[in-house]
Protein backbone atom coordinates (compact mmCIF):
# COMPACT_ATOMS: atom_id res chain seq x y z
CA UNK A 1 0.00 0.00 0.00
CA UNK A 2 2.84 2.39 0.81
CA UNK A 3 4.51 1.63 -2.50
CA UNK A 4 1.22 2.19 -4.37
CA UNK A 5 0.69 5.53 -2.59
CA UNK A 6 4.25 6.59 -3.38
CA UNK A 7 3.82 5.61 -7.01
CA UNK A 8 0.57 7.57 -7.22
CA UNK A 9 2.29 10.65 -5.77
CA UNK A 10 5.10 10.29 -8.30
CA UNK A 11 2.56 10.00 -11.09
CA UNK A 12 0.72 13.13 -9.95
CA UNK A 13 4.02 14.97 -9.63
CA UNK A 14 5.02 13.88 -13.13
CA UNK A 15 1.67 15.05 -14.54
CA UNK A 16 2.02 18.38 -12.77
CA UNK A 17 5.53 18.81 -14.18
CA UNK A 18 4.26 18.09 -17.70
CA UNK A 19 1.47 20.65 -17.30
CA UNK A 20 3.94 23.18 -15.95
CA UNK A 21 6.31 22.64 -18.90
CA UNK A 22 3.47 23.00 -21.40
CA UNK A 23 2.36 26.26 -19.82
CA UNK A 24 5.91 27.64 -19.73
CA UNK A 25 6.48 26.77 -23.38
CA UNK A 26 3.08 28.11 -24.40
CA UNK A 27 3.63 31.42 -22.61
CA UNK A 28 7.10 31.83 -24.10
CA UNK A 29 5.83 31.12 -27.62
CA UNK A 30 2.93 33.54 -27.16
CA UNK A 31 5.28 36.30 -26.00
CA UNK A 32 7.64 35.83 -28.95
CA UNK A 33 4.79 35.74 -31.48
CA UNK A 34 3.18 38.90 -30.11
CA UNK A 35 6.55 40.67 -30.43
CA UNK A 36 7.35 39.22 -33.83
CA UNK A 37 4.08 39.81 -35.70
CA UNK A 38 4.02 43.64 -35.48
CA UNK A 39 7.61 43.78 -36.72
CA UNK A 40 6.79 41.63 -39.74
CA UNK A 41 3.51 43.42 -40.49
CA UNK A 42 4.48 47.04 -39.82
CA UNK A 43 7.89 47.98 -41.13
CA UNK A 44 9.98 44.82 -41.16
CA UNK A 45 13.27 44.10 -39.45
CA UNK A 46 14.90 47.27 -40.76
CA UNK A 47 11.92 49.54 -40.20
CA UNK A 48 13.04 52.99 -39.05
CA UNK A 49 11.31 54.92 -36.29
CA UNK A 50 12.79 53.44 -33.12
CA UNK A 51 15.56 55.95 -32.42
CA UNK A 52 16.98 54.05 -29.45
CA UNK A 53 17.88 51.09 -31.68
CA UNK A 54 20.62 53.02 -33.38
CA UNK A 55 21.78 54.88 -30.27
CA UNK A 56 22.61 51.89 -28.09
CA UNK A 57 23.85 49.60 -30.84
CA UNK A 58 25.77 52.53 -32.36
CA UNK A 59 27.51 53.34 -29.06
CA UNK A 60 28.39 49.67 -28.67
CA UNK A 61 29.84 49.61 -32.18
CA UNK A 62 31.78 52.79 -31.39
CA UNK A 63 33.18 51.13 -28.26
CA UNK A 64 34.60 48.33 -30.39
CA UNK A 65 36.27 51.03 -32.49
CA UNK A 66 37.99 52.55 -29.45
CA UNK A 67 35.51 55.27 -28.47
CA UNK A 68 34.44 55.25 -24.82
CA UNK A 69 31.01 56.39 -23.66
CA UNK A 70 31.18 59.55 -21.52
CA UNK A 71 34.79 60.25 -22.49
CA UNK A 72 34.23 60.37 -26.26
CA UNK A 73 30.47 60.06 -26.70
CA UNK A 74 27.32 61.33 -25.06
CA UNK A 75 25.64 58.51 -23.12
CA UNK A 76 22.87 59.44 -20.70
CA UNK A 77 22.53 56.04 -19.04
CA UNK A 78 24.79 53.55 -17.26
CA UNK A 79 26.98 51.48 -19.60
CA UNK A 80 25.39 48.07 -19.08
CA UNK A 81 23.45 48.12 -22.34
CA UNK A 82 26.60 49.02 -24.29
CA UNK A 83 28.36 45.91 -23.01
CA UNK A 84 25.27 43.73 -23.48
CA UNK A 85 25.03 44.71 -27.15
CA UNK A 86 28.75 44.23 -27.80
CA UNK A 87 28.28 40.71 -29.26
CA UNK A 88 25.83 42.10 -31.81
CA UNK A 89 28.11 45.06 -32.53
CA UNK A 90 30.89 42.57 -33.26
CA UNK A 91 28.68 40.93 -35.89
CA UNK A 92 28.58 44.18 -37.85
CA UNK A 93 32.20 43.88 -38.91
CA UNK A 94 32.11 40.60 -40.84
CA UNK A 95 28.40 40.47 -41.69
CA UNK A 96 27.27 44.09 -41.97
CA UNK A 97 25.46 46.62 -39.80
CA UNK A 98 21.91 45.55 -40.79
CA UNK A 99 22.61 41.95 -39.77
CA UNK A 100 23.77 43.12 -36.35
CA UNK A 101 20.54 45.07 -35.88
CA UNK A 102 18.31 42.20 -37.00
CA UNK A 103 20.09 39.59 -34.87
CA UNK A 104 19.87 41.93 -31.89
CA UNK A 105 16.12 42.33 -32.34
CA UNK A 106 15.61 38.56 -32.66
CA UNK A 107 17.54 37.90 -29.45
CA UNK A 108 15.61 40.61 -27.58
CA UNK A 109 12.30 39.07 -28.67
CA UNK A 110 13.46 35.64 -27.50
CA UNK A 111 14.54 37.23 -24.23
CA UNK A 112 10.99 38.55 -23.87
CA UNK A 113 9.72 35.00 -24.19
CA UNK A 114 12.15 33.80 -21.52
CA UNK A 115 11.10 36.64 -19.20
CA UNK A 116 7.43 35.68 -19.63
CA UNK A 117 8.26 32.07 -18.79
CA UNK A 118 10.23 33.10 -15.69
CA UNK A 119 7.31 35.20 -14.41
CA UNK A 120 5.06 32.19 -15.01
CA UNK A 121 7.47 30.03 -13.01
CA UNK A 122 7.12 32.33 -10.00
CA UNK A 123 3.42 31.51 -9.67
CA UNK A 124 3.60 27.77 -10.45
CA UNK A 125 2.44 26.65 -6.98
CA UNK A 126 -0.97 28.28 -7.56
CA UNK A 127 -2.01 26.13 -10.49
CA UNK A 128 -2.09 26.33 -14.26
CA UNK A 129 -4.79 29.04 -14.38
CA UNK A 130 -2.64 31.40 -12.34
CA UNK A 131 0.40 30.51 -14.45
CA UNK A 132 -1.42 31.28 -17.68
CA UNK A 133 -2.73 34.53 -16.23
CA UNK A 134 0.72 35.72 -15.15
CA UNK A 135 2.51 34.60 -18.30
CA UNK A 136 -0.09 35.90 -20.72
CA UNK A 137 -0.17 39.25 -18.92
CA UNK A 138 3.54 39.72 -19.45
CA UNK A 139 3.31 38.36 -23.00
CA UNK A 140 0.74 40.92 -24.19
CA UNK A 141 1.36 43.88 -21.85
CA UNK A 142 1.72 46.71 -24.37
CA UNK A 143 4.75 48.53 -22.88
CA UNK A 144 6.61 45.23 -22.46
CA UNK A 145 5.82 44.19 -26.03
CA UNK A 146 7.06 47.53 -27.30
CA UNK A 147 10.24 47.33 -25.21
CA UNK A 148 10.97 43.69 -26.03
CA UNK A 149 10.64 44.26 -29.79
CA UNK A 150 13.69 46.46 -30.07
CA UNK A 151 17.07 47.29 -28.57
CA UNK A 152 15.70 49.29 -25.67
CA UNK A 153 17.04 49.80 -22.16
CA UNK A 154 13.94 48.23 -20.62
CA UNK A 155 14.10 44.78 -22.23
CA UNK A 156 17.26 43.56 -20.51
CA UNK A 157 16.36 44.72 -16.96
CA UNK A 158 13.01 42.92 -17.17
CA UNK A 159 14.73 39.64 -18.04
CA UNK A 160 17.28 40.15 -15.29
CA UNK A 161 14.62 41.04 -12.70
CA UNK A 162 12.57 37.95 -13.56
CA UNK A 163 15.70 35.80 -13.37
CA UNK A 164 16.73 37.26 -10.03
CA UNK A 165 13.27 36.63 -8.59
CA UNK A 166 13.31 33.06 -9.87
CA UNK A 167 16.64 32.45 -8.11
CA UNK A 168 15.85 34.19 -4.82
CA UNK A 169 12.13 33.73 -4.15
CA UNK A 170 11.13 31.21 -6.80
CA UNK A 171 12.76 28.34 -4.92
CA UNK A 172 11.99 27.05 -1.45
CA UNK A 173 15.39 27.48 0.14
CA UNK A 174 17.81 29.29 -2.16
CA UNK A 175 21.47 28.39 -1.79
CA UNK A 176 24.10 31.06 -1.16
CA UNK A 177 25.32 30.88 -4.76
CA UNK A 178 21.78 31.48 -6.00
CA UNK A 179 21.49 34.59 -3.84
CA UNK A 180 24.83 35.91 -5.08
CA UNK A 181 23.70 35.24 -8.65
CA UNK A 182 20.38 37.00 -8.04
CA UNK A 183 22.22 40.02 -6.69
CA UNK A 184 24.51 40.03 -9.70
CA UNK A 185 21.53 40.02 -12.07
CA UNK A 186 19.93 42.91 -10.22
CA UNK A 187 23.26 44.72 -10.32
CA UNK A 188 23.47 44.38 -14.10
CA UNK A 189 19.88 45.65 -14.35
CA UNK A 190 20.82 48.72 -12.30
CA UNK A 191 23.96 49.24 -14.39
CA UNK A 192 21.74 49.20 -17.49
CA UNK A 193 19.08 51.64 -16.34
CA UNK A 194 19.41 53.49 -13.08
CA UNK A 195 15.75 52.83 -12.22
CA UNK A 196 16.83 49.26 -11.52
CA UNK A 197 17.92 50.37 -8.06
CA UNK A 198 14.25 50.54 -7.00
CA UNK A 199 13.40 46.83 -7.52
CA UNK A 200 16.81 45.98 -6.06
CA UNK A 201 16.15 47.83 -2.80
CA UNK A 202 12.61 46.48 -2.52
CA UNK A 203 13.79 42.88 -2.92
CA UNK A 204 16.69 43.33 -0.51
CA UNK A 205 14.44 44.92 2.12
CA UNK A 206 11.83 42.17 1.75
CA UNK A 207 14.28 39.27 2.02
CA UNK A 208 16.23 40.98 4.81
CA UNK A 209 13.00 41.26 6.81
CA UNK A 210 11.68 37.80 5.97
CA UNK A 211 14.79 35.63 5.89
CA UNK A 212 17.38 37.61 7.80
CA UNK A 213 20.35 39.85 7.23
CA UNK A 214 22.50 37.16 5.63
CA UNK A 215 20.05 36.56 2.77
CA UNK A 216 19.39 40.23 2.03
CA UNK A 217 23.06 41.08 2.49
CA UNK A 218 24.23 38.54 -0.10
CA UNK A 219 21.92 39.97 -2.72
CA UNK A 220 22.90 43.53 -1.90
CA UNK A 221 26.63 42.80 -1.98
CA UNK A 222 26.27 40.83 -5.21
CA UNK A 223 24.49 43.77 -6.79
CA UNK A 224 27.00 46.36 -5.54
CA UNK A 225 29.90 44.27 -6.76
CA UNK A 226 28.39 43.87 -10.21
CA UNK A 227 27.52 47.55 -10.57
CA UNK A 228 31.09 48.41 -9.61
CA UNK A 229 32.57 45.95 -12.09
CA UNK A 230 30.42 47.26 -14.95
CA UNK A 231 30.65 50.98 -14.27
CA UNK A 232 34.05 51.55 -12.67
CA UNK A 233 36.17 51.28 -15.86
CA UNK A 234 34.06 53.91 -17.60
CA UNK A 235 33.93 56.11 -14.52
CA UNK A 236 37.72 55.94 -14.13
CA UNK A 237 38.15 57.09 -17.74
CA UNK A 238 35.82 60.09 -17.41
CA UNK A 239 34.49 60.55 -13.86
CA UNK A 240 33.14 64.09 -14.22
CA UNK A 241 31.49 63.46 -17.59
CA UNK A 242 29.90 60.19 -16.49
CA UNK A 243 28.49 61.74 -13.31
CA UNK A 244 27.14 64.68 -15.27
CA UNK A 245 25.50 62.60 -18.00
CA UNK A 246 24.10 59.71 -15.98
CA UNK A 247 23.00 61.63 -12.89
CA UNK A 248 22.89 65.40 -13.34
CA UNK A 249 21.57 65.45 -16.91
CA UNK A 250 18.81 63.01 -15.97
CA UNK A 251 17.84 64.93 -12.84
CA UNK A 252 17.84 68.15 -14.86
CA UNK A 253 15.48 66.99 -17.58
CA UNK A 254 12.48 69.27 -18.08
CA UNK A 255 9.33 68.32 -16.22
CA UNK A 256 6.73 67.12 -18.70
CA UNK A 257 4.58 65.32 -16.13
CA UNK A 258 0.95 66.27 -16.78
CA UNK A 259 -0.43 64.85 -13.57
CA UNK A 260 -1.59 61.55 -12.16
CA UNK A 261 -4.90 61.44 -14.05
CA UNK A 262 -3.08 61.47 -17.39
CA UNK A 263 0.10 59.64 -16.43
CA UNK A 264 -1.39 56.55 -14.71
CA UNK A 265 -3.28 55.19 -17.77
CA UNK A 266 -0.18 55.86 -19.90
CA UNK A 267 1.87 53.57 -17.70
CA UNK A 268 -0.29 50.65 -18.79
CA UNK A 269 -0.03 51.41 -22.50
CA UNK A 270 -3.27 53.33 -22.96
CA UNK A 271 -3.30 56.36 -25.27
CA UNK A 272 -2.83 59.75 -23.65
CA UNK A 273 -6.04 61.63 -22.89
CA UNK A 274 -5.21 65.28 -22.39
CA UNK A 275 -8.65 66.52 -21.45
CA UNK A 276 -8.20 69.90 -23.20
CA UNK A 277 -11.11 69.59 -25.60
CA UNK A 278 -13.85 70.68 -23.24
CA UNK A 279 -15.87 69.10 -20.45
CA UNK A 280 -16.48 65.83 -22.32
CA UNK A 281 -12.82 65.07 -22.93
CA UNK A 282 -12.01 66.08 -19.37
CA UNK A 283 -14.67 63.66 -18.16
CA UNK A 284 -13.17 60.94 -20.38
CA UNK A 285 -9.74 61.58 -18.89
CA UNK A 286 -11.03 61.12 -15.37
CA UNK A 287 -13.19 58.13 -16.33
CA UNK A 288 -10.18 56.29 -17.78
CA UNK A 289 -8.13 57.19 -14.72
CA UNK A 290 -10.80 55.92 -12.32
CA UNK A 291 -11.13 52.62 -14.21
CA UNK A 292 -7.37 52.01 -14.28
CA UNK A 293 -6.99 53.00 -10.63
CA UNK A 294 -9.89 50.74 -9.58
CA UNK A 295 -8.46 47.75 -11.44
CA UNK A 296 -5.04 48.39 -9.93
CA UNK A 297 -6.49 48.59 -6.41
CA UNK A 298 -8.48 45.38 -6.98
CA UNK A 299 -5.41 43.51 -8.22
CA UNK A 300 -3.35 44.73 -5.27
CA UNK A 301 -6.00 43.77 -2.72
CA UNK A 302 -6.47 40.28 -4.16
CA UNK A 303 -2.69 39.76 -4.21
CA UNK A 304 -2.45 40.83 -0.57
CA UNK A 305 -5.20 38.36 0.30
CA UNK A 306 -3.13 35.70 -1.48
CA UNK A 307 -0.36 36.52 1.04
CA UNK A 308 2.12 37.73 -1.54
CA UNK A 309 3.68 40.95 -0.31
CA UNK A 310 6.73 41.20 -2.58
CA UNK A 311 4.96 41.57 -5.93
CA UNK A 312 2.67 44.21 -4.41
CA UNK A 313 5.62 46.15 -3.02
CA UNK A 314 7.41 45.97 -6.39
CA UNK A 315 4.31 47.07 -8.30
CA UNK A 316 3.63 50.04 -6.04
CA UNK A 317 7.26 51.16 -5.91
CA UNK A 318 7.73 50.94 -9.68
CA UNK A 319 4.42 52.71 -10.30
CA UNK A 320 5.51 55.54 -8.00
CA UNK A 321 8.79 55.93 -9.91
CA UNK A 322 6.99 56.20 -13.24
CA UNK A 323 4.31 58.55 -11.90
CA UNK A 324 6.83 61.11 -10.64
CA UNK A 325 9.25 60.78 -13.56
CA UNK A 326 9.55 64.07 -15.50
CA UNK A 327 9.17 62.36 -18.89
CA UNK A 328 7.40 59.30 -20.18
CA UNK A 329 7.64 57.09 -23.23
CA UNK A 330 5.69 53.94 -24.00
CA UNK A 331 8.56 51.58 -23.19
CA UNK A 332 8.94 53.05 -19.69
CA UNK A 333 5.82 51.19 -18.59
CA UNK A 334 7.72 47.92 -19.07
CA UNK A 335 9.12 48.54 -15.58
CA UNK A 336 5.70 47.38 -14.31
CA UNK A 337 5.50 44.25 -16.43
CA UNK A 338 7.07 41.69 -14.08
CA UNK A 339 5.36 42.73 -10.81
CA UNK A 340 2.03 43.36 -12.58
CA UNK A 341 2.04 39.92 -14.20
CA UNK A 342 2.98 38.32 -10.88
CA UNK A 343 0.16 40.12 -9.07
CA UNK A 344 -2.42 39.19 -11.70
CA UNK A 345 -1.37 35.56 -11.51
CA UNK A 346 -1.90 35.66 -7.75
CA UNK A 347 -5.21 37.52 -8.10
CA UNK A 348 -6.87 35.05 -10.47
CA UNK A 349 -9.58 33.22 -8.62
CA UNK A 350 -13.29 33.05 -9.30
CA UNK A 351 -14.79 32.71 -12.73
CA UNK A 352 -15.78 36.35 -13.06
CA UNK A 353 -12.25 37.56 -12.45
CA UNK A 354 -10.95 35.13 -15.06
CA UNK A 355 -13.47 36.37 -17.62
CA UNK A 356 -12.49 39.98 -16.95
CA UNK A 357 -8.86 39.00 -17.25
CA UNK A 358 -9.43 37.25 -20.58
CA UNK A 359 -11.17 40.34 -21.92
CA UNK A 360 -8.40 42.64 -20.73
CA UNK A 361 -5.74 40.38 -22.22
CA UNK A 362 -7.58 40.27 -25.54
CA UNK A 363 -7.68 44.08 -25.69
CA UNK A 364 -4.02 44.30 -24.71
CA UNK A 365 -3.01 41.72 -27.30
CA UNK A 366 -4.91 43.63 -29.99
CA UNK A 367 -3.16 46.85 -29.03
CA UNK A 368 0.20 45.10 -28.97
CA UNK A 369 -0.26 43.74 -32.47
CA UNK A 370 -0.70 47.27 -33.81
CA UNK A 371 2.78 48.31 -32.69
CA UNK A 372 5.22 48.72 -35.53
CA UNK A 373 8.85 49.53 -36.16
CA UNK A 374 8.30 52.18 -38.84
CA UNK A 375 8.90 52.27 -42.57
CA UNK A 376 11.95 50.95 -44.37
CA UNK A 377 13.90 53.11 -46.79
CA UNK A 378 13.87 52.29 -50.49
CA UNK A 379 16.80 50.38 -52.06
CA UNK A 380 17.63 53.41 -54.23
CA UNK A 381 17.99 55.52 -51.10
CA UNK A 382 20.34 52.96 -49.57
CA UNK A 383 22.37 52.89 -52.78
CA UNK A 384 22.59 56.70 -52.81
CA UNK A 385 23.76 56.75 -49.20
CA UNK A 386 26.40 54.10 -49.83
CA UNK A 387 27.60 56.00 -52.90
CA UNK A 388 28.54 59.09 -50.88
CA UNK A 389 32.30 59.49 -51.10
CA UNK A 390 33.41 60.01 -47.52
CA UNK A 391 31.80 60.58 -44.13
CA UNK A 392 28.09 60.68 -43.34
CA UNK A 393 26.38 62.64 -40.58
CA UNK A 394 22.81 62.18 -39.40
CA UNK A 395 20.30 62.96 -36.68
CA UNK A 396 19.31 59.27 -36.47
CA UNK A 397 22.07 56.65 -36.21
CA UNK A 398 19.61 53.85 -37.01
CA UNK A 399 19.50 54.96 -40.65
CA UNK A 400 23.28 54.55 -40.86
CA UNK A 401 22.97 51.02 -39.49
CA UNK A 402 20.08 50.16 -41.82
CA UNK A 403 22.05 51.41 -44.84
CA UNK A 404 25.23 49.60 -43.69
CA UNK A 405 27.33 52.76 -43.35
CA UNK A 406 27.92 53.27 -39.62
CA UNK A 407 30.84 50.82 -39.51
CA UNK A 408 32.32 52.58 -42.53
CA UNK A 409 32.03 55.90 -40.70
CA UNK A 410 33.79 54.51 -37.66
CA UNK A 411 36.55 52.90 -39.70
CA UNK A 412 37.18 56.21 -41.51
CA UNK A 413 37.41 58.03 -38.20
CA UNK A 414 34.49 60.31 -39.07
CA UNK A 415 33.02 62.59 -36.42
CA UNK A 416 29.77 60.84 -35.51
CA UNK A 417 27.31 62.02 -32.89
CA UNK A 418 25.55 58.78 -32.06
CA UNK A 419 22.91 60.31 -29.77
CA UNK A 420 22.06 63.68 -31.29
CA UNK A 421 18.90 64.10 -29.22
CA UNK A 422 20.71 63.11 -26.03
CA UNK A 423 23.33 65.75 -26.77
CA UNK A 424 20.67 68.44 -26.25
CA UNK A 425 20.50 67.41 -22.59
CA UNK A 426 24.25 67.75 -22.07
CA UNK A 427 25.58 70.68 -24.14
CA UNK A 428 26.14 73.91 -22.19
CA UNK A 429 23.65 76.53 -23.29
CA UNK A 430 21.33 73.84 -24.65
CA UNK A 431 20.61 71.48 -21.77
CA UNK A 432 17.70 72.38 -19.50
CA UNK A 433 18.37 74.89 -16.76
CA UNK A 434 16.25 75.00 -13.60
CA UNK A 435 13.54 72.96 -15.24
CA UNK A 436 13.40 75.24 -18.28
CA UNK A 437 14.18 73.86 -21.72
CA UNK A 438 14.30 76.08 -24.78
CA UNK A 439 12.89 74.48 -27.90
CA UNK A 440 15.65 73.27 -30.19
CA UNK A 441 14.36 75.10 -33.24
CA UNK A 442 14.69 78.45 -31.48
CA UNK A 443 17.86 77.68 -29.50
CA UNK A 444 20.81 79.50 -31.07
CA UNK A 445 23.36 77.57 -29.02
CA UNK A 446 21.94 74.33 -30.37
CA UNK A 447 22.11 75.56 -33.96
CA UNK A 448 25.70 76.69 -33.44
CA UNK A 449 26.57 73.14 -32.35
CA UNK A 450 24.48 70.83 -34.53
CA UNK A 451 24.77 72.64 -37.89
CA UNK A 452 28.59 72.57 -38.01
CA UNK A 453 28.54 68.92 -36.90
CA UNK A 454 26.17 67.91 -39.69
CA UNK A 455 28.22 69.82 -42.22
CA UNK A 456 31.38 67.90 -41.36
CA UNK A 457 29.93 65.07 -43.43
CA UNK A 458 30.26 64.66 -47.18
CA UNK A 459 26.60 63.68 -46.95
CA UNK A 460 23.91 64.43 -44.37
CA UNK A 461 20.85 62.30 -43.61
CA UNK A 462 18.00 64.00 -41.77
CA UNK A 463 14.76 62.38 -40.74
CA UNK A 464 13.68 63.65 -37.33
CA UNK A 465 11.79 66.96 -37.19
CA UNK A 466 12.44 67.04 -33.45
CA UNK A 467 16.12 67.69 -34.19
CA UNK A 468 15.09 71.31 -34.61
CA UNK A 469 17.01 72.38 -37.74
CA UNK A 470 15.90 75.87 -38.79
CA UNK A 471 13.74 75.89 -41.97
CA UNK A 472 16.08 78.35 -43.72
CA UNK A 473 19.01 76.02 -43.13
CA UNK A 474 17.04 73.09 -44.55
CA UNK A 475 16.14 75.17 -47.59
CA UNK A 476 19.78 76.09 -48.17
CA UNK A 477 20.93 72.48 -47.84
CA UNK A 478 18.17 71.30 -50.17
CA UNK A 479 19.14 73.87 -52.82
CA UNK A 480 22.91 73.57 -52.44
CA UNK A 481 23.16 69.77 -52.53
CA UNK A 482 21.81 66.76 -54.35
CA UNK A 483 18.90 65.35 -52.36
CA UNK A 484 17.49 61.85 -52.34
CA UNK A 485 14.45 61.07 -50.18
CA UNK A 486 12.69 57.98 -48.94
CA UNK A 487 10.07 57.71 -46.25
CA UNK A 488 10.80 60.60 -43.89
CA UNK A 489 14.56 60.60 -44.55
CA UNK A 490 16.45 62.89 -46.91
CA UNK A 491 20.06 62.53 -48.00
CA UNK A 492 21.86 65.79 -48.72
CA UNK A 493 24.90 64.81 -50.80
CA UNK A 494 27.54 67.54 -50.48
CA UNK A 495 29.91 66.02 -53.07
CA UNK A 496 29.71 65.69 -56.85
CA UNK A 497 30.68 62.46 -58.54
CA UNK A 498 32.84 64.23 -61.11
CA UNK A 499 34.13 66.87 -58.67
CA UNK A 500 35.32 64.85 -55.64
CA UNK A 501 37.23 67.79 -54.18
CA UNK A 502 34.20 70.09 -54.20
CA UNK A 503 32.39 70.80 -50.95
CA UNK A 504 29.27 72.89 -50.52
CA UNK A 505 29.93 75.94 -48.37
CA UNK A 506 28.81 75.74 -44.79
CA UNK A 507 25.49 77.38 -43.97
CA UNK A 508 27.02 80.02 -41.71
CA UNK A 509 29.66 80.97 -44.30
CA UNK A 510 27.03 81.26 -46.99
CA UNK A 511 24.62 83.20 -44.75
CA UNK A 512 27.33 85.70 -43.79
CA UNK A 513 28.20 86.27 -47.46
CA UNK A 514 24.65 87.13 -48.52
CA UNK A 515 23.96 90.83 -49.00
CA UNK A 516 20.24 90.61 -49.70
CA UNK A 517 17.16 89.18 -48.04
CA UNK A 518 17.34 85.54 -47.02
CA UNK A 519 14.39 84.51 -49.20
CA UNK A 520 15.88 86.13 -52.30
CA UNK A 521 19.31 84.69 -51.57
CA UNK A 522 17.92 81.19 -51.02
CA UNK A 523 16.09 81.36 -54.33
CA UNK A 524 19.42 81.79 -56.12
CA UNK A 525 21.12 78.79 -54.52
CA UNK A 526 21.32 75.82 -56.88
CA UNK A 527 22.80 72.37 -56.71
CA UNK A 528 26.52 72.40 -57.63
CA UNK A 529 26.37 69.07 -59.40
CA UNK A 530 25.79 69.13 -63.17
CA UNK A 531 22.83 66.80 -63.36
CA UNK A 532 19.24 67.77 -62.73
CA UNK A 533 19.40 71.54 -62.23
CA UNK A 534 18.16 73.45 -65.27
CA UNK A 535 17.58 76.91 -63.82
CA UNK A 536 18.62 78.90 -60.72
CA UNK A 537 15.52 77.85 -58.79
CA UNK A 538 15.77 74.12 -59.43
CA UNK A 539 17.31 71.53 -57.16
CA UNK A 540 18.37 68.11 -58.37
CA UNK A 541 16.15 65.99 -56.16
CA UNK A 542 15.13 62.37 -56.41
CA UNK A 543 11.89 61.47 -54.67
CA UNK A 544 11.49 57.77 -53.89
């Protein structure tokens, strides 16, 4: 009888393990598919529109060419992401820049699937329904899908946080090496995005209180050691610049927080409702806020009743960070993905709550599938970019990667601002002062810095209106160069194929030499190259 009972227990345990494996695999596949489909449907692997792709991969590629973040390049975040992307940056050399970008995106999507499975693992003792609820929540949570579809700062910390939780609280009695490893993962997350210190402190405080000083201390020391190992070499090379960029520039960013009623729904991937269109839109803003707040309170209360304090503490702490942050972008909400999914898994209970959850997940999945990477540039545009004889400058490094020219730039030793937008938060006279930020288009100090940089190139590629180039400057460049356009990007070729030594005069030099009104002077500027221009008012442009 004892043997039969033991065999029955083993059989039940084996069945439970099979169910658990099926759920983990199913959740991981769902997460990867939800991240993959929008990329394939809306823009493709080389779709342009995700500025951060080019910034972080570009800085990593620059590092492999001997340029250090902070010392040689503007980098407004800790260096963890630069090191994490180094294997993909290394691919660019033998296989090309576009291959490096595509492989990086594929790996990030797979990492999103692993993160979803790890969150599911945390809730495995509460049954398959709770596992599916937690895993599916992470899989289709809009900010997480957006972050895990590209080379963003938020994708890696989520994977590391889920892994650290699996090692430290996802097992019954974690060994010392598991705690050290969990601390190391949390340290890498903090060294990737400074917000990672919040989950780290919450987890350390929780385990210190529950399991004692030794447990919490191991995680804390593991994290501190890892942060030191990752950041110290860069800090030693440029201590003042790194402190200014990573800490002071971030603290000095202009306050664009529009209040809790608008910010809270944004954190969960809902569109922004400003409430400026009259009483009806204001009522809609508050209605959406009340619904989101009520759902959040309900999830928190049910998780507390399930006697799970850590996911609640993580969710509330991370929500507070995002609510008070001066700026917000869709991917920022990914900070909530792991604790939110964990809480929802714990909150699943009666049939009505499951039906509500299924409906919410369906809406979220639909929203996630509408996310895209942007449009690709035409092959003729890529050919025109690659045909430029010399250096290229741009306000979006992703277009250099997509056209396979960033590595060429770096090998030629060209001056290349990888993060042009980030530079506006660090340049004296341009960066915000006392919470005030002058618009780039009207900031003379910005124009004095960015225009000469762009004109160092033998060709310029512009595609981001937010760069703030003055319209008169754009008109001059369009008239004085050969232009080729595709999607929102325009190449201004400053060289002529049959006149390789010719260079268009810089905007400032030309502007200072004009003796008449700007409009009249601009009308007389023509492309220097022999093809295309037939009269003084014509520019040789190719529209793709």
